[in-house]
N, C-alpha and C. Protein backbone atom coordinates (compact mmCIF):
# COMPACT_ATOMS: atom_id res chain seq x y z
N MET A 1 0.84 -1.20 0.00
CA MET A 1 0.00 0.00 0.00
C MET A 1 0.88 1.26 0.00
N ASN A 2 0.72 2.09 -1.02
CA ASN A 2 1.49 3.32 -1.05
C ASN A 2 0.82 4.39 -0.18
N ASP A 3 1.49 5.54 -0.04
CA ASP A 3 0.98 6.57 0.85
C ASP A 3 -0.38 7.13 0.40
N LYS A 4 -0.57 7.25 -0.89
CA LYS A 4 -1.85 7.77 -1.40
C LYS A 4 -2.98 6.80 -1.05
N GLU A 5 -2.75 5.52 -1.23
CA GLU A 5 -3.75 4.51 -0.90
C GLU A 5 -4.00 4.48 0.61
N LYS A 6 -2.93 4.63 1.38
CA LYS A 6 -3.08 4.65 2.84
C LYS A 6 -3.88 5.87 3.29
N ALA A 7 -3.63 7.00 2.66
CA ALA A 7 -4.38 8.22 3.00
C ALA A 7 -5.86 8.03 2.72
N ASP A 8 -6.19 7.45 1.58
CA ASP A 8 -7.59 7.20 1.23
C ASP A 8 -8.24 6.26 2.25
N LYS A 9 -7.48 5.26 2.68
CA LYS A 9 -7.99 4.31 3.66
C LYS A 9 -8.20 5.00 5.01
N ALA A 10 -7.25 5.84 5.41
CA ALA A 10 -7.36 6.56 6.68
C ALA A 10 -8.58 7.48 6.68
N ILE A 11 -8.81 8.15 5.56
CA ILE A 11 -9.98 9.02 5.42
C ILE A 11 -11.26 8.23 5.64
N ALA A 12 -11.37 7.09 4.99
CA ALA A 12 -12.57 6.26 5.09
C ALA A 12 -12.78 5.75 6.51
N LEU A 13 -11.71 5.31 7.15
CA LEU A 13 -11.81 4.79 8.51
C LEU A 13 -12.24 5.87 9.50
N LEU A 14 -11.68 7.05 9.35
CA LEU A 14 -12.02 8.14 10.26
C LEU A 14 -13.44 8.66 10.00
N GLU A 15 -13.87 8.66 8.74
CA GLU A 15 -15.24 9.06 8.42
C GLU A 15 -16.23 8.13 9.10
N ASN A 16 -15.92 6.86 9.12
CA ASN A 16 -16.80 5.89 9.76
C ASN A 16 -16.79 6.05 11.29
N GLU A 17 -15.62 6.34 11.83
CA GLU A 17 -15.48 6.46 13.28
C GLU A 17 -16.04 7.77 13.83
N TYR A 18 -15.86 8.83 13.06
CA TYR A 18 -16.30 10.17 13.49
C TYR A 18 -17.11 10.82 12.36
N PRO A 19 -18.38 10.47 12.25
CA PRO A 19 -19.21 10.98 11.14
C PRO A 19 -19.30 12.50 11.11
N ASP A 20 -19.33 13.11 12.28
CA ASP A 20 -19.46 14.57 12.35
C ASP A 20 -18.09 15.20 12.52
N ALA A 21 -17.57 15.76 11.45
CA ALA A 21 -16.26 16.41 11.49
C ALA A 21 -16.46 17.90 11.66
N ILE A 22 -16.48 18.34 12.91
CA ILE A 22 -16.73 19.75 13.17
C ILE A 22 -15.63 20.34 14.05
N CYS A 23 -15.44 21.61 13.90
CA CYS A 23 -14.48 22.33 14.73
C CYS A 23 -15.04 22.44 16.15
N SER A 24 -14.20 22.24 17.13
CA SER A 24 -14.67 22.28 18.52
C SER A 24 -14.73 23.69 19.09
N LEU A 25 -14.27 24.68 18.32
CA LEU A 25 -14.40 26.07 18.74
C LEU A 25 -15.79 26.58 18.36
N THR A 26 -16.38 27.39 19.21
CA THR A 26 -17.70 27.96 18.95
C THR A 26 -17.54 29.32 18.26
N TYR A 27 -18.23 29.49 17.14
CA TYR A 27 -18.12 30.76 16.41
C TYR A 27 -19.37 30.97 15.56
N ASN A 28 -19.61 32.23 15.22
CA ASN A 28 -20.76 32.57 14.38
C ASN A 28 -20.37 33.14 13.03
N ASN A 29 -19.12 33.55 12.89
CA ASN A 29 -18.66 34.15 11.64
C ASN A 29 -17.15 34.03 11.52
N ALA A 30 -16.61 34.52 10.43
CA ALA A 30 -15.18 34.39 10.16
C ALA A 30 -14.33 35.09 11.21
N LEU A 31 -14.74 36.27 11.62
CA LEU A 31 -13.98 37.02 12.63
C LEU A 31 -13.93 36.25 13.94
N HIS A 32 -15.06 35.70 14.36
CA HIS A 32 -15.10 34.92 15.59
C HIS A 32 -14.14 33.75 15.53
N LEU A 33 -14.14 33.02 14.43
CA LEU A 33 -13.26 31.86 14.30
C LEU A 33 -11.80 32.30 14.29
N LEU A 34 -11.51 33.38 13.60
CA LEU A 34 -10.14 33.89 13.54
C LEU A 34 -9.63 34.21 14.94
N ILE A 35 -10.43 34.91 15.72
CA ILE A 35 -10.01 35.31 17.06
C ILE A 35 -9.99 34.11 18.01
N ALA A 36 -11.00 33.26 17.92
CA ALA A 36 -11.05 32.08 18.79
C ALA A 36 -9.84 31.18 18.56
N THR A 37 -9.45 31.03 17.31
CA THR A 37 -8.29 30.19 17.01
C THR A 37 -7.02 30.80 17.54
N ARG A 38 -6.91 32.12 17.47
CA ARG A 38 -5.74 32.79 18.05
C ARG A 38 -5.71 32.58 19.56
N LEU A 39 -6.84 32.64 20.20
CA LEU A 39 -6.91 32.43 21.64
C LEU A 39 -6.57 30.99 22.03
N ALA A 40 -6.82 30.06 21.12
CA ALA A 40 -6.65 28.63 21.43
C ALA A 40 -5.19 28.19 21.48
N ALA A 41 -4.28 29.05 21.06
CA ALA A 41 -2.85 28.69 21.12
C ALA A 41 -2.45 28.43 22.58
N GLN A 42 -1.95 27.24 22.85
CA GLN A 42 -1.54 26.83 24.20
C GLN A 42 -2.68 27.01 25.21
N CYS A 43 -3.88 26.74 24.75
CA CYS A 43 -5.07 26.82 25.60
C CYS A 43 -6.09 25.83 25.06
N THR A 44 -6.95 25.31 25.91
CA THR A 44 -7.95 24.35 25.44
C THR A 44 -9.10 25.06 24.73
N ASP A 45 -9.68 24.36 23.77
CA ASP A 45 -10.86 24.91 23.09
C ASP A 45 -12.00 25.14 24.09
N LYS A 46 -12.12 24.27 25.07
CA LYS A 46 -13.17 24.41 26.08
C LYS A 46 -13.04 25.73 26.81
N ARG A 47 -11.82 26.09 27.19
CA ARG A 47 -11.60 27.35 27.88
C ARG A 47 -11.91 28.54 26.97
N VAL A 48 -11.48 28.45 25.72
CA VAL A 48 -11.75 29.53 24.76
C VAL A 48 -13.25 29.74 24.61
N ASN A 49 -13.99 28.65 24.52
CA ASN A 49 -15.45 28.75 24.35
C ASN A 49 -16.14 29.36 25.57
N MET A 50 -15.49 29.29 26.72
CA MET A 50 -16.03 29.92 27.91
C MET A 50 -15.79 31.43 27.91
N VAL A 51 -14.73 31.83 27.24
CA VAL A 51 -14.31 33.24 27.25
C VAL A 51 -14.96 34.06 26.13
N THR A 52 -15.12 33.46 24.96
CA THR A 52 -15.51 34.25 23.78
C THR A 52 -16.92 34.85 23.81
N PRO A 53 -17.93 34.24 24.43
CA PRO A 53 -19.26 34.88 24.40
C PRO A 53 -19.24 36.32 24.93
N ALA A 54 -18.64 36.52 26.09
CA ALA A 54 -18.58 37.87 26.67
C ALA A 54 -17.68 38.78 25.84
N LEU A 55 -16.59 38.23 25.33
CA LEU A 55 -15.67 39.01 24.50
C LEU A 55 -16.36 39.53 23.25
N PHE A 56 -17.10 38.66 22.57
CA PHE A 56 -17.75 39.06 21.32
C PHE A 56 -18.99 39.91 21.56
N GLU A 57 -19.57 39.80 22.73
CA GLU A 57 -20.68 40.70 23.06
C GLU A 57 -20.15 42.12 23.26
N ARG A 58 -18.99 42.21 23.90
CA ARG A 58 -18.39 43.54 24.14
C ARG A 58 -17.82 44.12 22.86
N PHE A 59 -17.20 43.28 22.03
CA PHE A 59 -16.59 43.74 20.78
C PHE A 59 -17.17 42.91 19.62
N PRO A 60 -18.31 43.31 19.09
CA PRO A 60 -19.02 42.48 18.11
C PRO A 60 -18.45 42.51 16.69
N THR A 61 -17.60 43.50 16.38
CA THR A 61 -17.10 43.65 15.01
C THR A 61 -15.60 43.92 15.00
N ALA A 62 -15.02 43.79 13.82
CA ALA A 62 -13.60 44.14 13.68
C ALA A 62 -13.37 45.60 14.03
N GLU A 63 -14.31 46.45 13.67
CA GLU A 63 -14.18 47.87 13.98
C GLU A 63 -14.16 48.10 15.49
N ALA A 64 -14.99 47.37 16.21
CA ALA A 64 -15.02 47.51 17.67
C ALA A 64 -13.70 47.07 18.30
N PHE A 65 -13.16 45.95 17.82
CA PHE A 65 -11.86 45.49 18.32
C PHE A 65 -10.75 46.48 17.96
N ALA A 66 -10.82 47.04 16.77
CA ALA A 66 -9.79 47.97 16.31
C ALA A 66 -9.72 49.22 17.19
N LYS A 67 -10.85 49.60 17.75
CA LYS A 67 -10.91 50.80 18.61
C LYS A 67 -10.69 50.46 20.08
N ALA A 68 -10.55 49.18 20.39
CA ALA A 68 -10.49 48.73 21.78
C ALA A 68 -9.17 49.10 22.44
N ASP A 69 -9.23 49.29 23.73
CA ASP A 69 -8.02 49.41 24.55
C ASP A 69 -7.50 48.00 24.80
N VAL A 70 -6.25 47.77 24.48
CA VAL A 70 -5.67 46.43 24.62
C VAL A 70 -5.84 45.89 26.04
N SER A 71 -5.71 46.76 27.02
CA SER A 71 -5.82 46.32 28.42
C SER A 71 -7.22 45.79 28.73
N GLU A 72 -8.25 46.34 28.08
CA GLU A 72 -9.60 45.84 28.31
C GLU A 72 -9.78 44.46 27.68
N VAL A 73 -9.24 44.29 26.49
CA VAL A 73 -9.29 42.97 25.85
C VAL A 73 -8.57 41.95 26.72
N GLU A 74 -7.45 42.35 27.30
CA GLU A 74 -6.70 41.45 28.19
C GLU A 74 -7.57 40.91 29.31
N GLU A 75 -8.40 41.77 29.89
CA GLU A 75 -9.23 41.36 31.02
C GLU A 75 -10.22 40.26 30.62
N TYR A 76 -10.71 40.33 29.39
CA TYR A 76 -11.68 39.33 28.92
C TYR A 76 -11.03 37.98 28.64
N ILE A 77 -9.75 37.99 28.26
CA ILE A 77 -9.12 36.76 27.80
C ILE A 77 -8.03 36.26 28.74
N LYS A 78 -7.94 36.84 29.92
CA LYS A 78 -6.84 36.55 30.84
C LYS A 78 -6.68 35.06 31.13
N SER A 79 -7.79 34.34 31.23
CA SER A 79 -7.72 32.92 31.60
C SER A 79 -7.22 32.03 30.46
N CYS A 80 -7.03 32.59 29.26
CA CYS A 80 -6.58 31.79 28.11
C CYS A 80 -5.06 31.63 28.05
N GLY A 81 -4.33 32.33 28.90
CA GLY A 81 -2.89 32.24 28.87
C GLY A 81 -2.29 33.09 27.77
N LEU A 82 -1.07 33.55 28.00
CA LEU A 82 -0.39 34.43 27.03
C LEU A 82 -1.29 35.59 26.61
N TYR A 83 -2.09 36.03 27.57
CA TYR A 83 -3.17 36.96 27.21
C TYR A 83 -2.69 38.32 26.74
N LYS A 84 -1.54 38.77 27.22
CA LYS A 84 -1.04 40.08 26.80
C LYS A 84 -0.67 40.07 25.31
N THR A 85 0.03 39.03 24.89
CA THR A 85 0.40 38.91 23.47
C THR A 85 -0.82 38.71 22.61
N LYS A 86 -1.75 37.86 23.07
CA LYS A 86 -2.96 37.58 22.30
C LYS A 86 -3.83 38.82 22.15
N ALA A 87 -3.97 39.59 23.23
CA ALA A 87 -4.78 40.80 23.17
C ALA A 87 -4.18 41.81 22.19
N LYS A 88 -2.88 41.96 22.24
CA LYS A 88 -2.20 42.88 21.34
C LYS A 88 -2.39 42.44 19.89
N ASP A 89 -2.25 41.14 19.65
CA ASP A 89 -2.42 40.60 18.29
C ASP A 89 -3.85 40.81 17.79
N ILE A 90 -4.82 40.56 18.65
CA ILE A 90 -6.23 40.68 18.24
C ILE A 90 -6.56 42.11 17.83
N VAL A 91 -6.14 43.06 18.64
CA VAL A 91 -6.41 44.46 18.31
C VAL A 91 -5.66 44.87 17.04
N SER A 92 -4.38 44.49 16.95
CA SER A 92 -3.60 44.83 15.75
C SER A 92 -4.17 44.17 14.50
N MET A 93 -4.62 42.92 14.65
CA MET A 93 -5.23 42.19 13.55
C MET A 93 -6.47 42.91 13.03
N CYS A 94 -7.29 43.37 13.95
CA CYS A 94 -8.54 44.03 13.56
C CYS A 94 -8.30 45.42 12.99
N ILE A 95 -7.26 46.10 13.46
CA ILE A 95 -6.88 47.37 12.85
C ILE A 95 -6.49 47.14 11.39
N MET A 96 -5.73 46.09 11.13
CA MET A 96 -5.32 45.79 9.77
C MET A 96 -6.50 45.34 8.92
N LEU A 97 -7.41 44.56 9.51
CA LEU A 97 -8.62 44.15 8.79
C LEU A 97 -9.40 45.38 8.33
N CYS A 98 -9.51 46.36 9.20
CA CYS A 98 -10.26 47.58 8.86
C CYS A 98 -9.51 48.44 7.84
N ASP A 99 -8.21 48.56 8.03
CA ASP A 99 -7.42 49.44 7.16
C ASP A 99 -7.18 48.85 5.78
N SER A 100 -6.97 47.52 5.72
CA SER A 100 -6.56 46.89 4.45
C SER A 100 -7.64 46.05 3.78
N PHE A 101 -8.65 45.62 4.56
CA PHE A 101 -9.64 44.70 4.00
C PHE A 101 -11.08 45.15 4.24
N GLY A 102 -11.27 46.40 4.57
CA GLY A 102 -12.61 46.92 4.76
C GLY A 102 -13.37 46.28 5.90
N GLY A 103 -12.63 45.76 6.88
CA GLY A 103 -13.27 45.11 8.03
C GLY A 103 -13.75 43.70 7.77
N VAL A 104 -13.43 43.18 6.58
CA VAL A 104 -13.88 41.83 6.19
C VAL A 104 -12.70 40.86 6.23
N VAL A 105 -12.92 39.68 6.79
CA VAL A 105 -11.88 38.66 6.86
C VAL A 105 -11.60 38.13 5.46
N PRO A 106 -10.35 38.20 4.98
CA PRO A 106 -10.05 37.72 3.63
C PRO A 106 -10.16 36.21 3.52
N ASP A 107 -10.22 35.72 2.28
CA ASP A 107 -10.48 34.28 2.07
C ASP A 107 -9.31 33.53 1.45
N THR A 108 -8.10 34.06 1.59
CA THR A 108 -6.92 33.34 1.10
C THR A 108 -5.88 33.21 2.20
N ILE A 109 -5.10 32.14 2.14
CA ILE A 109 -4.04 31.94 3.12
C ILE A 109 -3.02 33.07 3.04
N GLU A 110 -2.72 33.50 1.82
CA GLU A 110 -1.71 34.54 1.63
C GLU A 110 -2.11 35.84 2.33
N GLU A 111 -3.37 36.22 2.22
CA GLU A 111 -3.83 37.45 2.86
C GLU A 111 -4.01 37.27 4.37
N LEU A 112 -4.54 36.14 4.78
CA LEU A 112 -4.76 35.90 6.20
C LEU A 112 -3.45 35.89 6.99
N THR A 113 -2.40 35.33 6.42
CA THR A 113 -1.13 35.24 7.14
C THR A 113 -0.39 36.57 7.20
N LYS A 114 -0.93 37.59 6.55
CA LYS A 114 -0.38 38.94 6.70
C LYS A 114 -0.85 39.58 8.01
N LEU A 115 -1.93 39.04 8.57
CA LEU A 115 -2.50 39.60 9.78
C LEU A 115 -1.64 39.25 11.00
N PRO A 116 -1.47 40.19 11.93
CA PRO A 116 -0.66 39.92 13.13
C PRO A 116 -1.15 38.70 13.90
N GLY A 117 -0.23 37.80 14.23
CA GLY A 117 -0.55 36.63 15.05
C GLY A 117 -1.20 35.48 14.31
N ILE A 118 -1.38 35.61 13.00
CA ILE A 118 -2.06 34.55 12.23
C ILE A 118 -1.06 33.77 11.39
N GLY A 119 -0.96 32.47 11.68
CA GLY A 119 -0.09 31.59 10.91
C GLY A 119 -0.89 30.72 9.97
N ARG A 120 -0.22 29.79 9.34
CA ARG A 120 -0.88 28.95 8.33
C ARG A 120 -1.93 28.03 8.93
N LYS A 121 -1.72 27.58 10.17
CA LYS A 121 -2.71 26.69 10.79
C LYS A 121 -4.06 27.40 10.92
N THR A 122 -4.04 28.59 11.48
CA THR A 122 -5.27 29.36 11.64
C THR A 122 -5.86 29.74 10.28
N ALA A 123 -5.01 30.15 9.37
CA ALA A 123 -5.47 30.55 8.03
C ALA A 123 -6.15 29.38 7.32
N ASN A 124 -5.58 28.19 7.43
CA ASN A 124 -6.19 27.01 6.82
C ASN A 124 -7.54 26.69 7.44
N LEU A 125 -7.63 26.83 8.75
CA LEU A 125 -8.90 26.55 9.43
C LEU A 125 -9.99 27.49 8.93
N VAL A 126 -9.65 28.77 8.79
CA VAL A 126 -10.63 29.75 8.35
C VAL A 126 -11.07 29.52 6.91
N ILE A 127 -10.11 29.28 6.01
CA ILE A 127 -10.52 29.10 4.60
C ILE A 127 -11.29 27.80 4.41
N GLY A 128 -11.00 26.81 5.26
CA GLY A 128 -11.73 25.55 5.16
C GLY A 128 -13.12 25.62 5.75
N ASP A 129 -13.22 26.09 7.00
CA ASP A 129 -14.50 26.08 7.70
C ASP A 129 -15.43 27.20 7.27
N ILE A 130 -14.87 28.35 6.95
CA ILE A 130 -15.71 29.50 6.59
C ILE A 130 -15.96 29.58 5.09
N PHE A 131 -14.92 29.41 4.30
CA PHE A 131 -15.03 29.64 2.87
C PHE A 131 -15.11 28.36 2.03
N GLY A 132 -15.05 27.20 2.69
CA GLY A 132 -15.24 25.93 2.00
C GLY A 132 -14.15 25.58 1.01
N LYS A 133 -12.96 26.12 1.24
CA LYS A 133 -11.84 25.82 0.34
C LYS A 133 -11.02 24.65 0.88
N SER A 134 -10.21 24.07 0.02
CA SER A 134 -9.33 22.99 0.44
C SER A 134 -8.38 23.51 1.51
N ALA A 135 -8.32 22.79 2.63
CA ALA A 135 -7.48 23.24 3.75
C ALA A 135 -6.82 22.05 4.43
N VAL A 136 -5.61 22.28 4.93
CA VAL A 136 -4.90 21.27 5.70
C VAL A 136 -4.43 21.94 6.98
N VAL A 137 -5.12 21.67 8.08
CA VAL A 137 -4.81 22.30 9.36
C VAL A 137 -3.81 21.44 10.12
N VAL A 138 -2.57 21.86 10.13
CA VAL A 138 -1.50 21.07 10.74
C VAL A 138 -1.31 21.53 12.19
N ASP A 139 -2.02 20.89 13.10
CA ASP A 139 -1.84 21.15 14.52
C ASP A 139 -1.07 19.99 15.15
N THR A 140 -0.97 19.98 16.47
CA THR A 140 -0.18 18.93 17.12
C THR A 140 -0.76 17.53 16.89
N HIS A 141 -2.08 17.43 16.86
CA HIS A 141 -2.71 16.12 16.60
C HIS A 141 -2.37 15.64 15.20
N CYS A 142 -2.47 16.53 14.23
CA CYS A 142 -2.16 16.19 12.85
C CYS A 142 -0.71 15.75 12.70
N ILE A 143 0.20 16.51 13.28
CA ILE A 143 1.63 16.17 13.20
C ILE A 143 1.88 14.79 13.79
N ARG A 144 1.35 14.55 14.98
CA ARG A 144 1.61 13.29 15.69
C ARG A 144 1.01 12.09 14.96
N ILE A 145 -0.26 12.19 14.58
CA ILE A 145 -0.94 11.02 14.00
C ILE A 145 -0.44 10.71 12.60
N THR A 146 -0.23 11.73 11.77
CA THR A 146 0.26 11.45 10.42
C THR A 146 1.69 10.93 10.44
N SER A 147 2.45 11.31 11.47
CA SER A 147 3.79 10.73 11.64
C SER A 147 3.69 9.26 12.04
N ARG A 148 2.82 8.95 12.97
CA ARG A 148 2.65 7.57 13.40
C ARG A 148 2.12 6.68 12.28
N LEU A 149 1.29 7.25 11.44
CA LEU A 149 0.79 6.48 10.29
C LEU A 149 1.91 6.18 9.30
N GLY A 150 2.93 7.04 9.29
CA GLY A 150 4.07 6.81 8.42
C GLY A 150 4.16 7.74 7.22
N PHE A 151 3.42 8.84 7.23
CA PHE A 151 3.44 9.78 6.11
C PHE A 151 4.68 10.68 6.12
N HIS A 152 5.32 10.80 7.26
CA HIS A 152 6.52 11.64 7.38
C HIS A 152 7.18 11.35 8.73
N ASN A 153 8.36 11.90 8.94
CA ASN A 153 9.03 11.79 10.24
C ASN A 153 9.62 13.13 10.64
N ILE A 154 8.88 14.19 10.35
CA ILE A 154 9.36 15.55 10.60
C ILE A 154 8.39 16.30 11.51
N LYS A 155 8.80 17.50 11.94
CA LYS A 155 7.96 18.34 12.80
C LYS A 155 7.58 19.65 12.13
N ASP A 156 8.17 19.93 10.97
CA ASP A 156 7.95 21.19 10.27
C ASP A 156 6.53 21.24 9.70
N ALA A 157 5.69 22.11 10.27
CA ALA A 157 4.28 22.15 9.88
C ALA A 157 4.07 22.53 8.42
N VAL A 158 4.87 23.43 7.90
CA VAL A 158 4.72 23.85 6.51
C VAL A 158 5.04 22.70 5.56
N LYS A 159 6.10 21.96 5.87
CA LYS A 159 6.47 20.81 5.04
C LYS A 159 5.42 19.70 5.14
N ILE A 160 4.88 19.50 6.34
CA ILE A 160 3.84 18.48 6.52
C ILE A 160 2.59 18.87 5.74
N GLU A 161 2.23 20.14 5.78
CA GLU A 161 1.08 20.60 5.00
C GLU A 161 1.26 20.28 3.53
N LYS A 162 2.44 20.53 3.02
CA LYS A 162 2.72 20.25 1.59
C LYS A 162 2.59 18.76 1.30
N ILE A 163 3.12 17.92 2.18
CA ILE A 163 3.03 16.47 2.00
C ILE A 163 1.57 16.02 1.97
N LEU A 164 0.79 16.52 2.92
CA LEU A 164 -0.61 16.09 3.03
C LEU A 164 -1.46 16.63 1.89
N ARG A 165 -1.14 17.81 1.39
CA ARG A 165 -1.89 18.34 0.25
C ARG A 165 -1.70 17.46 -0.99
N GLU A 166 -0.56 16.81 -1.08
CA GLU A 166 -0.31 15.92 -2.22
C GLU A 166 -0.99 14.57 -2.04
N LEU A 167 -1.32 14.21 -0.79
CA LEU A 167 -1.92 12.90 -0.51
C LEU A 167 -3.43 12.94 -0.37
N LEU A 168 -3.97 14.05 0.13
CA LEU A 168 -5.39 14.11 0.46
C LEU A 168 -6.21 14.73 -0.66
N PRO A 169 -7.36 14.16 -0.98
CA PRO A 169 -8.26 14.80 -1.95
C PRO A 169 -8.68 16.17 -1.41
N PRO A 170 -8.63 17.22 -2.21
CA PRO A 170 -8.94 18.58 -1.73
C PRO A 170 -10.28 18.68 -1.00
N LYS A 171 -11.30 17.97 -1.45
CA LYS A 171 -12.61 18.07 -0.83
C LYS A 171 -12.70 17.32 0.51
N LYS A 172 -11.68 16.50 0.79
CA LYS A 172 -11.70 15.70 2.01
C LYS A 172 -10.73 16.21 3.08
N SER A 173 -9.80 17.06 2.68
CA SER A 173 -8.67 17.40 3.55
C SER A 173 -9.07 18.11 4.83
N ASN A 174 -9.98 19.07 4.73
CA ASN A 174 -10.36 19.84 5.92
C ASN A 174 -11.04 18.96 6.97
N ASP A 175 -12.01 18.16 6.53
CA ASP A 175 -12.71 17.27 7.47
C ASP A 175 -11.75 16.22 8.04
N PHE A 176 -10.82 15.75 7.22
CA PHE A 176 -9.82 14.78 7.69
C PHE A 176 -9.06 15.36 8.88
N CYS A 177 -8.66 16.62 8.78
CA CYS A 177 -7.90 17.25 9.86
C CYS A 177 -8.75 17.43 11.11
N HIS A 178 -10.03 17.75 10.95
CA HIS A 178 -10.93 17.83 12.10
C HIS A 178 -11.03 16.47 12.78
N ARG A 179 -11.12 15.43 11.99
CA ARG A 179 -11.25 14.08 12.57
C ARG A 179 -9.96 13.65 13.26
N LEU A 180 -8.82 14.12 12.78
CA LEU A 180 -7.55 13.81 13.46
C LEU A 180 -7.55 14.40 14.87
N VAL A 181 -8.12 15.58 15.03
CA VAL A 181 -8.21 16.19 16.36
C VAL A 181 -9.07 15.33 17.28
N LEU A 182 -10.22 14.92 16.78
CA LEU A 182 -11.11 14.07 17.58
C LEU A 182 -10.43 12.75 17.94
N HIS A 183 -9.74 12.17 16.97
CA HIS A 183 -9.06 10.89 17.20
C HIS A 183 -7.88 11.05 18.15
N GLY A 184 -7.18 12.17 18.02
CA GLY A 184 -6.04 12.42 18.90
C GLY A 184 -6.47 12.58 20.35
N ARG A 185 -7.61 13.19 20.56
CA ARG A 185 -8.12 13.36 21.93
C ARG A 185 -8.68 12.07 22.50
N ALA A 186 -9.35 11.29 21.66
CA ALA A 186 -10.04 10.10 22.15
C ALA A 186 -9.15 8.86 22.22
N VAL A 187 -8.23 8.72 21.25
CA VAL A 187 -7.49 7.46 21.14
C VAL A 187 -5.98 7.66 21.00
N CYS A 188 -5.57 8.42 20.00
CA CYS A 188 -4.14 8.52 19.68
C CYS A 188 -3.50 9.70 20.39
N ASN A 189 -3.50 9.64 21.73
CA ASN A 189 -2.92 10.74 22.48
C ASN A 189 -1.39 10.67 22.48
N ALA A 190 -0.76 11.71 22.97
CA ALA A 190 0.69 11.82 22.85
C ALA A 190 1.44 10.82 23.73
N ARG A 191 1.02 10.67 24.96
CA ARG A 191 1.81 9.90 25.92
C ARG A 191 1.54 8.40 25.86
N LYS A 192 0.27 8.03 25.78
CA LYS A 192 -0.07 6.61 25.81
C LYS A 192 -1.23 6.32 24.88
N PRO A 193 -0.95 6.18 23.59
CA PRO A 193 -2.03 5.93 22.63
C PRO A 193 -2.71 4.59 22.89
N LYS A 194 -4.03 4.58 22.69
CA LYS A 194 -4.81 3.36 22.90
C LYS A 194 -4.88 2.58 21.59
N CYS A 195 -3.74 2.02 21.22
CA CYS A 195 -3.60 1.41 19.90
C CYS A 195 -4.60 0.29 19.63
N GLU A 196 -4.90 -0.50 20.65
CA GLU A 196 -5.81 -1.63 20.44
C GLU A 196 -7.22 -1.17 20.08
N LEU A 197 -7.55 0.07 20.44
CA LEU A 197 -8.88 0.61 20.15
C LEU A 197 -8.92 1.40 18.85
N CYS A 198 -7.79 1.54 18.20
CA CYS A 198 -7.68 2.44 17.06
C CYS A 198 -8.25 1.85 15.77
N CYS A 199 -9.08 2.64 15.11
CA CYS A 199 -9.69 2.19 13.86
C CYS A 199 -8.67 2.11 12.72
N MET A 200 -7.51 2.75 12.91
CA MET A 200 -6.49 2.77 11.86
C MET A 200 -5.28 1.88 12.16
N LYS A 201 -5.38 1.04 13.18
CA LYS A 201 -4.21 0.27 13.60
C LYS A 201 -3.64 -0.62 12.50
N ASN A 202 -4.49 -1.10 11.62
CA ASN A 202 -4.00 -2.01 10.58
C ASN A 202 -3.25 -1.32 9.44
N ILE A 203 -3.26 0.01 9.45
CA ILE A 203 -2.49 0.74 8.44
C ILE A 203 -1.47 1.66 9.11
N CYS A 204 -1.23 1.46 10.40
CA CYS A 204 -0.40 2.38 11.18
C CYS A 204 1.00 1.81 11.42
N ASN A 205 2.02 2.54 11.01
CA ASN A 205 3.40 2.12 11.23
C ASN A 205 3.73 2.00 12.71
N TYR A 206 3.23 2.95 13.49
CA TYR A 206 3.51 2.95 14.93
C TYR A 206 2.95 1.68 15.58
N TYR A 207 1.73 1.33 15.24
CA TYR A 207 1.12 0.14 15.81
C TYR A 207 1.86 -1.12 15.36
N GLU A 208 2.20 -1.16 14.09
CA GLU A 208 2.91 -2.34 13.57
C GLU A 208 4.24 -2.54 14.28
N THR A 209 4.97 -1.47 14.46
CA THR A 209 6.27 -1.56 15.11
C THR A 209 6.14 -1.99 16.57
N ASN A 210 5.24 -1.37 17.30
CA ASN A 210 5.09 -1.68 18.71
C ASN A 210 4.44 -3.03 18.94
N PHE A 211 3.54 -3.44 18.03
CA PHE A 211 2.90 -4.74 18.12
C PHE A 211 3.95 -5.84 17.95
N LYS A 212 4.85 -5.67 16.99
CA LYS A 212 5.89 -6.65 16.76
C LYS A 212 6.85 -6.72 17.93
N GLU A 213 7.14 -5.53 18.51
CA GLU A 213 8.05 -5.50 19.65
C GLU A 213 7.45 -6.22 20.85
N ASN A 214 6.13 -6.16 20.95
CA ASN A 214 5.46 -6.76 22.10
C ASN A 214 5.20 -8.25 21.95
N LYS A 215 5.37 -8.75 20.75
CA LYS A 215 5.09 -10.16 20.50
C LYS A 215 6.25 -11.05 20.95
């Protein structure tokens, strides 16, 4: 089985295991998702979802955030960690959205990554979930699981994105990445993966290696 065939098999197995491939962040529009994803860096999605309702009620638009005092934004997001940097990025991001994009979140990775604090992971999530474009969200779950499957042995997210874009059908890639997050939390965790419960164990290099070692 080559990597392309393995990718197709992994997609099918995860679709069966996790029929609903949805983002675990709560959002109502592109701006909400952009900001929520920025807040989620080194923070749980659960915590972000607890913080954002009040934040978005106070600052409902990019224009409102652009006019905000950074210290006030800090108070709303303090429990998310790294809140000073995140607050500064959010306000700066919204100033740029207003100045360069008419207050509208752009729909390309190239434009999104020009915004302060926005990298390719967040940009891919936005273009996939909001604009329905082909996206490959390379987060820690994606890096770990695709490495264990045997698609690569690197940590460079940009290089991994390129590898996966060549393997995954464009219409399937975004949902595949969402399902990797679900699978990483439920089964293929970092410290002690539950390999015997894994729907992909029969195509997984990590399982094959450890199974042989244990025999």
